[in-house]
Amino acid sequence: MTPFALLWFLTLPLSAFFAPLLAGSRGTPTKTHIALALLLLLVGGIGDVQRLAEQHALHRWQPVEARVVRSEAGRRPHGWRFEYEYRIGDTTFRGSRYTLAPYFRSRRGTQALLAKYPVGQPLTVFVDSKAPEASVVYGKPHYALPLAGALLHTLLAVGLARGWLRTPEQARASR
């Protein structure tokens, strides 16, 4: 996961927290709340568009035969070190991505992946025809998280607008 993708992912719970706070807060939102909400909306909106585009692009990725060259438990309890090789024309590429969607493993899930993908195991990977160095094992698009992110960021925008547009009389009445 890229640093920006991780930052986007962190905007999700923060947006869920700030949306109702801004919409129903007592008084008008502080400048700090507004600045944080705008930052969350900026990073969140860019991330939503990137994640949706990334998932949509999987439709044009092509299946290619590959072979597992590394599959072992990582240093962390649920870690998995995984690599595969595939050829496009005369060029051999190495990849290590299992999916483009966030993928959280349990200890049992990691053990299942180790058993399913031992070294030497043939498998099919999906390769971006425009950038053949980009590949993934599980190439089915997943729109749930990016759409949930877009919904949370929309709710944050509505909460911000509601709090920002609250009149002083409404603010005093809510105290």
Protein backbone atom coordinates (compact mmCIF):
# COMPACT_ATOMS: atom_id res chain seq x y z
CA MET A 1 0.00 0.00 0.00
CA THR A 2 1.40 3.37 -0.99
CA PRO A 3 1.76 6.10 1.66
CA PHE A 4 -1.03 8.12 0.00
CA ALA A 5 -3.33 5.07 -0.11
CA LEU A 6 -2.69 4.57 3.63
CA LEU A 7 -3.41 8.26 4.27
CA TRP A 8 -6.64 7.95 2.26
CA PHE A 9 -7.59 4.86 4.25
CA LEU A 10 -7.08 6.80 7.51
CA THR A 11 -9.47 9.52 6.30
CA LEU A 12 -12.34 7.03 6.40
CA PRO A 13 -12.73 6.68 10.20
CA LEU A 14 -11.79 10.32 10.72
CA SER A 15 -14.52 11.41 8.29
CA ALA A 16 -17.03 9.14 10.01
CA PHE A 17 -16.13 10.82 13.31
CA PHE A 18 -16.10 14.44 12.12
CA ALA A 19 -19.24 14.39 9.95
CA PRO A 20 -21.74 14.14 12.83
CA LEU A 21 -19.55 16.32 15.04
CA LEU A 22 -19.62 19.17 12.53
CA ALA A 23 -23.28 18.73 11.61
CA GLY A 24 -24.59 18.73 15.14
CA SER A 25 -21.90 20.47 17.13
CA ARG A 26 -22.80 23.12 19.60
CA GLY A 27 -22.02 26.48 18.15
CA THR A 28 -20.25 27.00 14.88
CA PRO A 29 -17.30 24.78 14.02
CA THR A 30 -13.90 26.13 15.02
CA LYS A 31 -11.31 27.09 12.43
CA THR A 32 -9.35 23.99 13.41
CA HIS A 33 -12.37 21.75 12.77
CA ILE A 34 -12.99 23.41 9.43
CA ALA A 35 -9.34 23.13 8.38
CA LEU A 36 -9.17 19.47 9.37
CA ALA A 37 -12.45 18.71 7.59
CA LEU A 38 -11.25 20.45 4.42
CA LEU A 39 -7.97 18.51 4.54
CA LEU A 40 -9.88 15.24 5.02
CA LEU A 41 -12.13 16.15 2.08
CA LEU A 42 -9.18 16.98 -0.16
CA VAL A 43 -7.18 13.83 0.61
CA GLY A 44 -10.33 11.70 0.79
CA GLY A 45 -11.76 12.96 -2.49
CA ILE A 46 -8.49 12.47 -4.37
CA GLY A 47 -8.13 9.01 -2.84
CA ASP A 48 -11.73 8.06 -3.69
CA VAL A 49 -11.18 8.95 -7.35
CA GLN A 50 -7.83 7.12 -7.44
CA ARG A 51 -9.20 3.95 -5.80
CA LEU A 52 -12.25 3.89 -8.10
CA ALA A 53 -10.09 4.42 -11.21
CA GLU A 54 -7.66 1.74 -10.04
CA GLN A 55 -10.45 -0.80 -9.57
CA HIS A 56 -12.11 0.15 -12.87
CA ALA A 57 -8.80 -0.27 -14.75
CA LEU A 58 -8.68 -3.95 -13.71
CA HIS A 59 -11.29 -4.68 -16.41
CA ARG A 60 -8.65 -4.22 -19.12
CA TRP A 61 -5.84 -6.19 -17.41
CA GLN A 62 -4.92 -9.40 -19.22
CA PRO A 63 -4.42 -12.86 -17.66
CA VAL A 64 -0.86 -14.19 -17.94
CA GLU A 65 0.66 -17.45 -16.73
CA ALA A 66 3.12 -17.05 -13.85
CA ARG A 67 5.04 -19.11 -11.30
CA VAL A 68 5.47 -18.52 -7.55
CA VAL A 69 9.13 -17.85 -6.73
CA ARG A 70 8.72 -16.87 -3.07
CA SER A 71 6.07 -17.70 -0.52
CA GLU A 72 6.96 -17.57 3.15
CA ALA A 73 5.74 -16.24 6.45
CA GLY A 74 6.83 -12.67 7.13
CA ARG A 75 8.32 -11.18 10.27
CA ARG A 76 5.00 -9.83 11.51
CA PRO A 77 2.41 -12.30 12.85
CA HIS A 78 0.20 -12.07 9.74
CA GLY A 79 2.97 -11.20 7.30
CA TRP A 80 3.38 -12.98 3.98
CA ARG A 81 6.34 -12.58 1.65
CA PHE A 82 5.13 -13.47 -1.80
CA GLU A 83 6.60 -13.06 -5.28
CA TYR A 84 5.88 -14.51 -8.70
CA GLU A 85 7.48 -14.32 -12.12
CA TYR A 86 5.81 -13.95 -15.50
CA ARG A 87 6.99 -13.33 -19.04
CA ILE A 88 5.72 -10.87 -21.61
CA GLY A 89 7.55 -11.38 -24.90
CA ASP A 90 11.25 -11.71 -24.10
CA THR A 91 11.03 -9.88 -20.76
CA THR A 92 10.62 -11.55 -17.38
CA PHE A 93 8.83 -9.55 -14.70
CA ARG A 94 8.46 -10.10 -10.97
CA GLY A 95 5.40 -9.12 -8.99
CA SER A 96 4.27 -9.38 -5.40
CA ARG A 97 0.77 -7.89 -5.27
CA TYR A 98 -2.05 -10.20 -4.40
CA THR A 99 -4.88 -7.70 -4.84
CA LEU A 100 -5.36 -3.97 -5.44
CA ALA A 101 -8.04 -3.82 -2.74
CA PRO A 102 -7.00 -3.61 0.91
CA TYR A 103 -6.49 -7.15 2.11
CA PHE A 104 -6.34 -7.94 5.81
CA ARG A 105 -5.19 -11.38 6.81
CA SER A 106 -5.56 -13.36 9.97
CA ARG A 107 -2.97 -15.90 11.04
CA ARG A 108 -5.22 -18.63 9.60
CA GLY A 109 -5.65 -16.68 6.36
CA THR A 110 -1.88 -16.31 5.99
CA GLN A 111 -1.41 -20.04 6.53
CA ALA A 112 -4.05 -20.75 3.87
CA LEU A 113 -2.24 -18.50 1.37
CA LEU A 114 1.09 -20.19 2.14
CA ALA A 115 -0.52 -23.58 1.45
CA LYS A 116 -2.29 -22.40 -1.72
CA TYR A 117 0.78 -20.70 -3.23
CA PRO A 118 3.94 -22.76 -2.53
CA VAL A 119 7.15 -21.98 -4.39
CA GLY A 120 6.98 -23.39 -7.93
CA GLN A 121 3.15 -23.28 -8.04
CA PRO A 122 1.82 -22.13 -11.43
CA LEU A 123 -0.82 -19.43 -11.27
CA THR A 124 -2.55 -16.85 -13.42
CA VAL A 125 -1.83 -13.19 -12.75
CA PHE A 126 -3.49 -10.15 -14.29
CA VAL A 127 -1.17 -7.70 -16.01
CA ASP A 128 -1.76 -4.12 -17.07
CA SER A 129 -1.24 -4.14 -20.85
CA LYS A 130 -0.20 -0.46 -20.75
CA ALA A 131 2.38 -1.08 -17.99
CA PRO A 132 3.39 -4.76 -18.01
CA GLU A 133 5.39 -4.40 -14.79
CA ALA A 134 2.09 -3.89 -12.94
CA SER A 135 0.44 -7.17 -12.00
CA VAL A 136 -1.86 -8.69 -9.43
CA VAL A 137 -3.00 -12.22 -8.60
CA TYR A 138 -6.59 -11.43 -7.69
CA GLY A 139 -7.76 -9.24 -10.56
CA LYS A 140 -11.46 -8.92 -9.79
CA PRO A 141 -12.49 -5.28 -9.22
CA HIS A 142 -13.76 -4.40 -5.75
CA TYR A 143 -15.73 -1.17 -5.60
CA ALA A 144 -17.15 -1.47 -2.07
CA LEU A 145 -14.43 0.36 -0.14
CA PRO A 146 -13.94 3.23 -2.62
CA LEU A 147 -17.72 3.77 -2.79
CA ALA A 148 -17.96 3.64 1.01
CA GLY A 149 -15.15 6.20 1.12
CA ALA A 150 -16.99 8.46 -1.31
CA LEU A 151 -20.13 8.17 0.85
CA LEU A 152 -18.24 9.00 4.06
CA HIS A 153 -16.53 11.96 2.45
CA THR A 154 -19.87 13.20 1.09
CA LEU A 155 -21.35 12.95 4.58
CA LEU A 156 -18.38 14.91 5.90
CA ALA A 157 -18.97 17.62 3.27
CA VAL A 158 -22.65 17.79 4.23
CA GLY A 159 -21.75 17.97 7.94
CA LEU A 160 -19.22 20.71 7.25
CA ALA A 161 -21.71 22.69 5.17
CA ARG A 162 -24.41 22.30 7.80
CA GLY A 163 -22.12 23.40 10.60
CA TRP A 164 -20.59 26.21 8.57
CA LEU A 165 -23.97 27.57 7.44
CA ARG A 166 -25.49 27.48 10.90
CA THR A 167 -26.67 30.93 11.89
CA PRO A 168 -25.63 32.42 15.24
CA GLU A 169 -29.25 32.05 16.43
CA GLN A 170 -29.23 28.33 15.59
CA ALA A 171 -25.89 27.95 17.36
CA ARG A 172 -27.22 29.61 20.53
CA ALA A 173 -30.40 27.51 20.41
CA SER A 174 -28.40 24.26 20.28
CA ARG A 175 -26.52 25.06 23.52
